[in-house]
Protein backbone atom coordinates (compact mmCIF):
# COMPACT_ATOMS: atom_id res chain seq x y z
CA UNK A 1 175.76 -43.22 49.06
CA UNK A 2 174.23 -45.64 46.62
CA UNK A 3 173.96 -43.98 43.22
CA UNK A 4 171.51 -46.26 41.46
CA UNK A 5 168.03 -47.49 42.27
CA UNK A 6 169.15 -51.11 42.92
CA UNK A 7 171.95 -49.90 45.20
CA UNK A 8 169.60 -47.54 47.04
CA UNK A 9 167.04 -50.32 47.41
CA UNK A 10 169.69 -52.67 48.85
CA UNK A 11 171.01 -49.95 51.15
CA UNK A 12 167.51 -49.17 52.45
CA UNK A 13 166.81 -52.87 53.01
CA UNK A 14 169.99 -53.21 55.05
CA UNK A 15 169.28 -50.05 57.07
CA UNK A 16 165.69 -51.03 57.84
CA UNK A 17 166.77 -54.56 58.77
CA UNK A 18 169.45 -53.15 61.06
CA UNK A 19 166.99 -50.88 62.85
CA UNK A 20 164.56 -53.75 63.29
CA UNK A 21 167.18 -56.34 64.26
CA UNK A 22 166.23 -58.62 61.36
CA UNK A 23 168.23 -60.23 58.58
CA UNK A 24 167.71 -58.27 55.33
CA UNK A 25 166.56 -61.45 53.57
CA UNK A 26 163.54 -61.63 55.89
CA UNK A 27 162.14 -58.32 54.67
CA UNK A 28 159.59 -58.29 51.86
CA UNK A 29 160.27 -54.98 50.08
CA UNK A 30 156.59 -54.64 49.17
CA UNK A 31 155.31 -55.22 52.74
CA UNK A 32 154.41 -52.34 55.03
CA UNK A 33 157.23 -51.71 57.46
CA UNK A 34 154.82 -51.62 60.39
CA UNK A 35 154.33 -55.34 59.79
CA UNK A 36 157.91 -55.82 61.00
CA UNK A 37 157.52 -53.58 64.02
CA UNK A 38 158.77 -50.26 62.66
CA UNK A 39 157.87 -47.63 65.23
CA UNK A 40 158.39 -43.89 65.43
CA UNK A 41 161.87 -44.22 66.97
CA UNK A 42 162.99 -46.55 64.17
CA UNK A 43 161.42 -44.25 61.58
CA UNK A 44 163.21 -41.20 62.93
CA UNK A 45 166.54 -43.04 63.00
CA UNK A 46 165.99 -44.19 59.43
CA UNK A 47 165.29 -40.59 58.37
CA UNK A 48 168.56 -39.48 59.97
CA UNK A 49 170.40 -42.25 58.09
CA UNK A 50 168.80 -41.15 54.82
CA UNK A 51 169.66 -37.51 55.41
CA UNK A 52 173.27 -38.31 56.30
CA UNK A 53 173.73 -40.61 53.32
CA UNK A 54 171.96 -38.53 50.67
CA UNK A 55 172.15 -34.95 51.88
CA UNK A 56 168.39 -34.73 51.34
CA UNK A 57 166.26 -33.21 54.07
CA UNK A 58 163.34 -35.56 54.65
CA UNK A 59 160.29 -35.26 56.82
CA UNK A 60 160.12 -37.56 59.86
CA UNK A 61 156.88 -38.92 58.39
CA UNK A 62 158.71 -40.29 55.33
CA UNK A 63 158.42 -43.98 56.37
CA UNK A 64 154.69 -43.51 57.01
CA UNK A 65 154.11 -41.62 53.74
CA UNK A 66 156.06 -44.28 51.80
CA UNK A 67 155.48 -47.34 54.00
CA UNK A 68 157.41 -50.02 52.10
CA UNK A 69 161.04 -50.37 51.08
CA UNK A 70 159.92 -50.33 47.44
CA UNK A 71 158.00 -47.08 47.96
CA UNK A 72 160.82 -45.45 49.92
CA UNK A 73 163.42 -46.38 47.30
CA UNK A 74 161.26 -45.09 44.45
CA UNK A 75 160.54 -41.81 46.24
CA UNK A 76 164.16 -41.20 47.20
CA UNK A 77 165.34 -42.07 43.69
CA UNK A 78 162.98 -39.43 42.31
CA UNK A 79 164.14 -36.83 44.84
CA UNK A 80 167.77 -37.53 43.94
CA UNK A 81 166.98 -37.21 40.21
CA UNK A 82 165.28 -33.88 40.80
CA UNK A 83 168.29 -32.65 42.75
CA UNK A 84 170.67 -33.81 39.98
CA UNK A 85 168.65 -31.85 37.42
CA UNK A 86 168.99 -28.77 39.60
CA UNK A 87 165.42 -28.79 40.87
CA UNK A 88 166.09 -29.13 44.54
């Protein structure tokens, strides 16, 4: 699992691109993922990837609650920090 924000951001970009069948370079990390065709099946698969890679339990609404790669990476980074400090 990526252990820094840049690594997590890159990992998320690659995962999202893979689910959408796009090259990672085509994704704008500040654009809403729906713009690229992210649907509920992709979102659920992405949540499973996140759970498997981080050990965090995430809600299936995570990609809708944090609809960009930037927002997802920031949120997951914070959750991982909380867990490291013993808060979760």
